[in-house]
Amino acid sequence: MSSVFDESLSSAPVARGDGNLQMQPPVSTPRIWRWVVRLVLPVLILLAGQVLYWIWFDNIYTSNWASIIGGCWIAFTMAIILVWLVCAWLSTEEP
């Protein structure tokens, strides 16, 4: 269980043998949070895709400027989430 959670969350200086202070390396993201991100991002893509489908293709009302602008913002957000999703899945486990 200690490999999943990192107990050393402080980045206080540590004294070296020669009397100088050295900063600890930055704390890496715990493994469990990486997997939460990896599993939540596809769900967000699917939900945004469903909303975009409802707005643009399954529109029972006539298209107006609000549905076009709103759909473009949802598509732009989906593109950002898709890049984040690819980066999250292709990243290595080691910091």
N, C-alpha and C. Protein backbone atom coordinates (compact mmCIF):
# COMPACT_ATOMS: atom_id res chain seq x y z
N MET A 1 0.81 -1.18 0.00
CA MET A 1 0.00 0.00 0.00
C MET A 1 0.86 1.25 0.00
N SER A 2 2.09 1.15 0.47
CA SER A 2 2.94 2.33 0.50
C SER A 2 3.39 2.75 -0.88
N SER A 3 3.35 1.85 -1.86
CA SER A 3 3.75 2.25 -3.21
C SER A 3 2.66 3.08 -3.89
N VAL A 4 1.42 2.98 -3.43
CA VAL A 4 0.33 3.73 -4.04
C VAL A 4 0.30 5.16 -3.49
N PHE A 5 0.50 5.32 -2.20
CA PHE A 5 0.44 6.63 -1.57
C PHE A 5 1.84 7.06 -1.17
N ASP A 6 2.19 8.29 -1.49
CA ASP A 6 3.49 8.82 -1.14
C ASP A 6 3.38 9.56 0.18
N GLU A 7 4.09 9.10 1.19
CA GLU A 7 3.98 9.68 2.52
C GLU A 7 4.80 10.96 2.67
N SER A 8 5.84 11.13 1.86
CA SER A 8 6.71 12.29 2.01
C SER A 8 6.20 13.43 1.14
N LEU A 9 5.29 14.22 1.68
CA LEU A 9 4.67 15.30 0.91
C LEU A 9 5.37 16.64 1.11
N SER A 10 6.36 16.72 1.98
CA SER A 10 7.03 18.00 2.18
C SER A 10 8.25 18.09 1.27
N SER A 11 8.58 19.32 0.90
CA SER A 11 9.78 19.53 0.09
C SER A 11 10.74 20.43 0.85
N ALA A 12 10.91 20.15 2.14
CA ALA A 12 11.80 20.94 2.99
C ALA A 12 13.25 20.62 2.64
N PRO A 13 14.15 21.59 2.85
CA PRO A 13 15.57 21.33 2.56
C PRO A 13 16.13 20.27 3.49
N VAL A 14 17.06 19.48 2.96
CA VAL A 14 17.70 18.41 3.71
C VAL A 14 19.19 18.73 3.80
N ALA A 15 19.77 18.56 4.99
CA ALA A 15 21.19 18.83 5.17
C ALA A 15 22.02 17.72 4.54
N ARG A 16 23.01 18.13 3.73
CA ARG A 16 23.92 17.16 3.14
C ARG A 16 25.10 16.96 4.09
N GLY A 17 25.96 16.04 3.76
CA GLY A 17 27.12 15.74 4.61
C GLY A 17 28.12 16.88 4.71
N ASP A 18 28.20 17.75 3.71
CA ASP A 18 29.17 18.84 3.74
C ASP A 18 28.62 20.10 4.39
N GLY A 19 27.45 20.05 4.98
CA GLY A 19 26.88 21.18 5.69
C GLY A 19 25.95 22.04 4.86
N ASN A 20 25.90 21.84 3.56
CA ASN A 20 25.01 22.60 2.70
C ASN A 20 23.62 22.00 2.70
N LEU A 21 22.64 22.82 2.36
CA LEU A 21 21.27 22.35 2.27
C LEU A 21 20.95 22.00 0.83
N GLN A 22 20.17 20.96 0.65
CA GLN A 22 19.76 20.53 -0.68
C GLN A 22 18.25 20.30 -0.65
N MET A 23 17.56 20.80 -1.69
CA MET A 23 16.11 20.60 -1.78
C MET A 23 15.81 19.16 -2.19
N GLN A 24 14.75 18.62 -1.63
CA GLN A 24 14.31 17.29 -2.02
C GLN A 24 13.69 17.37 -3.41
N PRO A 25 13.74 16.28 -4.16
CA PRO A 25 13.08 16.30 -5.48
C PRO A 25 11.58 16.48 -5.32
N PRO A 26 10.91 17.05 -6.33
CA PRO A 26 9.46 17.26 -6.21
C PRO A 26 8.72 15.93 -6.06
N VAL A 27 7.64 16.00 -5.32
CA VAL A 27 6.84 14.81 -5.06
C VAL A 27 6.04 14.46 -6.31
N SER A 28 6.05 13.20 -6.67
CA SER A 28 5.30 12.78 -7.85
C SER A 28 3.83 12.56 -7.50
N THR A 29 3.00 12.57 -8.51
CA THR A 29 1.58 12.34 -8.32
C THR A 29 1.37 10.88 -7.93
N PRO A 30 0.60 10.62 -6.89
CA PRO A 30 0.35 9.22 -6.52
C PRO A 30 -0.30 8.45 -7.66
N ARG A 31 0.01 7.20 -7.71
CA ARG A 31 -0.45 6.33 -8.80
C ARG A 31 -1.97 6.26 -8.87
N ILE A 32 -2.64 6.29 -7.74
CA ILE A 32 -4.10 6.16 -7.76
C ILE A 32 -4.75 7.34 -8.47
N TRP A 33 -4.19 8.55 -8.33
CA TRP A 33 -4.76 9.72 -8.99
C TRP A 33 -4.55 9.68 -10.49
N ARG A 34 -3.42 9.10 -10.90
CA ARG A 34 -3.21 8.93 -12.34
C ARG A 34 -4.27 8.04 -12.95
N TRP A 35 -4.63 6.96 -12.24
CA TRP A 35 -5.64 6.05 -12.77
C TRP A 35 -7.04 6.66 -12.71
N VAL A 36 -7.29 7.49 -11.72
CA VAL A 36 -8.59 8.17 -11.66
C VAL A 36 -8.73 9.08 -12.88
N VAL A 37 -7.67 9.83 -13.20
CA VAL A 37 -7.71 10.71 -14.38
C VAL A 37 -7.88 9.88 -15.65
N ARG A 38 -7.15 8.78 -15.75
CA ARG A 38 -7.22 7.94 -16.94
C ARG A 38 -8.62 7.35 -17.15
N LEU A 39 -9.33 7.10 -16.08
CA LEU A 39 -10.65 6.49 -16.22
C LEU A 39 -11.78 7.52 -16.31
N VAL A 40 -11.57 8.72 -15.77
CA VAL A 40 -12.62 9.74 -15.80
C VAL A 40 -12.64 10.47 -17.15
N LEU A 41 -11.49 10.69 -17.75
CA LEU A 41 -11.44 11.45 -19.00
C LEU A 41 -12.23 10.79 -20.14
N PRO A 42 -12.18 9.48 -20.34
CA PRO A 42 -13.04 8.90 -21.39
C PRO A 42 -14.53 9.09 -21.11
N VAL A 43 -14.92 9.07 -19.84
CA VAL A 43 -16.32 9.30 -19.48
C VAL A 43 -16.72 10.73 -19.84
N LEU A 44 -15.83 11.69 -19.58
CA LEU A 44 -16.12 13.08 -19.95
C LEU A 44 -16.24 13.25 -21.46
N ILE A 45 -15.39 12.56 -22.22
CA ILE A 45 -15.47 12.62 -23.68
C ILE A 45 -16.81 12.05 -24.16
N LEU A 46 -17.22 10.94 -23.59
CA LEU A 46 -18.50 10.34 -24.00
C LEU A 46 -19.69 11.23 -23.65
N LEU A 47 -19.67 11.81 -22.47
CA LEU A 47 -20.77 12.70 -22.08
C LEU A 47 -20.82 13.95 -22.95
N ALA A 48 -19.67 14.54 -23.21
CA ALA A 48 -19.64 15.74 -24.06
C ALA A 48 -20.05 15.39 -25.48
N GLY A 49 -19.66 14.21 -25.97
CA GLY A 49 -20.08 13.78 -27.30
C GLY A 49 -21.58 13.58 -27.38
N GLN A 50 -22.16 13.04 -26.33
CA GLN A 50 -23.61 12.86 -26.31
C GLN A 50 -24.34 14.20 -26.32
N VAL A 51 -23.86 15.15 -25.53
CA VAL A 51 -24.47 16.48 -25.52
C VAL A 51 -24.30 17.17 -26.87
N LEU A 52 -23.13 17.02 -27.47
CA LEU A 52 -22.90 17.61 -28.79
C LEU A 52 -23.82 16.99 -29.84
N TYR A 53 -24.04 15.69 -29.74
CA TYR A 53 -24.98 15.03 -30.65
C TYR A 53 -26.39 15.57 -30.47
N TRP A 54 -26.81 15.74 -29.21
CA TRP A 54 -28.14 16.28 -28.95
C TRP A 54 -28.28 17.69 -29.50
N ILE A 55 -27.24 18.50 -29.37
CA ILE A 55 -27.33 19.89 -29.82
C ILE A 55 -27.31 19.99 -31.33
N TRP A 56 -26.40 19.27 -31.99
CA TRP A 56 -26.20 19.47 -33.43
C TRP A 56 -27.01 18.53 -34.32
N PHE A 57 -27.11 17.26 -33.98
CA PHE A 57 -27.68 16.30 -34.91
C PHE A 57 -29.08 15.82 -34.54
N ASP A 58 -29.39 15.82 -33.26
CA ASP A 58 -30.70 15.36 -32.82
C ASP A 58 -31.54 16.55 -32.37
N ASN A 59 -31.36 17.65 -33.03
CA ASN A 59 -32.01 18.90 -32.64
C ASN A 59 -33.46 18.87 -33.13
N ILE A 60 -34.41 18.87 -32.20
CA ILE A 60 -35.81 18.86 -32.60
C ILE A 60 -36.31 20.25 -32.95
N TYR A 61 -35.55 21.27 -32.49
CA TYR A 61 -35.90 22.65 -32.83
C TYR A 61 -35.01 23.09 -33.98
N THR A 62 -35.29 24.22 -34.50
CA THR A 62 -34.45 24.73 -35.58
C THR A 62 -33.10 25.17 -35.02
N SER A 63 -32.08 25.07 -35.85
CA SER A 63 -30.75 25.52 -35.41
C SER A 63 -30.72 27.03 -35.31
N ASN A 64 -30.15 27.52 -34.25
CA ASN A 64 -29.99 28.96 -34.09
C ASN A 64 -28.55 29.24 -33.71
N TRP A 65 -28.22 30.48 -33.55
CA TRP A 65 -26.83 30.85 -33.29
C TRP A 65 -26.33 30.31 -31.94
N ALA A 66 -27.22 30.19 -30.96
CA ALA A 66 -26.80 29.70 -29.64
C ALA A 66 -26.38 28.24 -29.69
N SER A 67 -27.09 27.42 -30.46
CA SER A 67 -26.71 26.00 -30.54
C SER A 67 -25.41 25.83 -31.34
N ILE A 68 -25.17 26.70 -32.31
CA ILE A 68 -23.93 26.62 -33.07
C ILE A 68 -22.74 27.05 -32.22
N ILE A 69 -22.88 28.18 -31.53
CA ILE A 69 -21.79 28.67 -30.67
C ILE A 69 -21.55 27.71 -29.51
N GLY A 70 -22.61 27.26 -28.87
CA GLY A 70 -22.46 26.31 -27.76
C GLY A 70 -21.84 25.00 -28.21
N GLY A 71 -22.25 24.51 -29.37
CA GLY A 71 -21.67 23.28 -29.89
C GLY A 71 -20.21 23.43 -30.23
N CYS A 72 -19.83 24.60 -30.75
CA CYS A 72 -18.41 24.83 -31.04
C CYS A 72 -17.57 24.84 -29.76
N TRP A 73 -18.11 25.44 -28.70
CA TRP A 73 -17.38 25.44 -27.43
C TRP A 73 -17.26 24.03 -26.87
N ILE A 74 -18.30 23.23 -26.99
CA ILE A 74 -18.24 21.85 -26.51
C ILE A 74 -17.24 21.05 -27.34
N ALA A 75 -17.23 21.25 -28.66
CA ALA A 75 -16.27 20.56 -29.52
C ALA A 75 -14.84 20.97 -29.19
N PHE A 76 -14.62 22.26 -28.93
CA PHE A 76 -13.29 22.74 -28.55
C PHE A 76 -12.85 22.12 -27.22
N THR A 77 -13.75 22.06 -26.26
CA THR A 77 -13.44 21.45 -24.97
C THR A 77 -13.17 19.96 -25.12
N MET A 78 -13.92 19.30 -25.99
CA MET A 78 -13.67 17.88 -26.24
C MET A 78 -12.28 17.65 -26.83
N ALA A 79 -11.84 18.54 -27.70
CA ALA A 79 -10.51 18.42 -28.29
C ALA A 79 -9.42 18.56 -27.22
N ILE A 80 -9.61 19.49 -26.30
CA ILE A 80 -8.65 19.66 -25.21
C ILE A 80 -8.63 18.43 -24.32
N ILE A 81 -9.80 17.92 -23.97
CA ILE A 81 -9.88 16.72 -23.12
C ILE A 81 -9.29 15.52 -23.84
N LEU A 82 -9.46 15.43 -25.15
CA LEU A 82 -8.90 14.34 -25.92
C LEU A 82 -7.37 14.37 -25.91
N VAL A 83 -6.78 15.55 -26.03
CA VAL A 83 -5.32 15.67 -25.94
C VAL A 83 -4.85 15.26 -24.54
N TRP A 84 -5.57 15.70 -23.51
CA TRP A 84 -5.24 15.34 -22.14
C TRP A 84 -5.36 13.83 -21.94
N LEU A 85 -6.38 13.24 -22.53
CA LEU A 85 -6.60 11.80 -22.43
C LEU A 85 -5.44 11.02 -23.06
N VAL A 86 -5.02 11.43 -24.23
CA VAL A 86 -3.91 10.74 -24.90
C VAL A 86 -2.63 10.88 -24.09
N CYS A 87 -2.37 12.08 -23.57
CA CYS A 87 -1.17 12.29 -22.75
C CYS A 87 -1.22 11.48 -21.45
N ALA A 88 -2.40 11.37 -20.86
CA ALA A 88 -2.53 10.61 -19.61
C ALA A 88 -2.29 9.12 -19.85
N TRP A 89 -2.78 8.60 -20.96
CA TRP A 89 -2.63 7.17 -21.21
C TRP A 89 -1.25 6.81 -21.74
N LEU A 90 -0.57 7.73 -22.40
CA LEU A 90 0.75 7.42 -22.95
C LEU A 90 1.89 7.80 -22.00
N SER A 91 1.60 8.42 -20.87
CA SER A 91 2.65 8.77 -19.93
C SER A 91 3.14 7.53 -19.19
N THR A 92 4.35 7.62 -18.71
CA THR A 92 4.93 6.49 -17.97
C THR A 92 4.54 6.56 -16.51
N GLU A 93 4.63 5.44 -15.84
CA GLU A 93 4.30 5.39 -14.41
C GLU A 93 5.42 5.96 -13.55
N GLU A 94 6.64 5.89 -14.03
CA GLU A 94 7.77 6.39 -13.25
C GLU A 94 7.89 7.90 -13.42
N PRO A 95 8.11 8.63 -12.31
CA PRO A 95 8.23 10.09 -12.41
C PRO A 95 9.52 10.52 -13.08
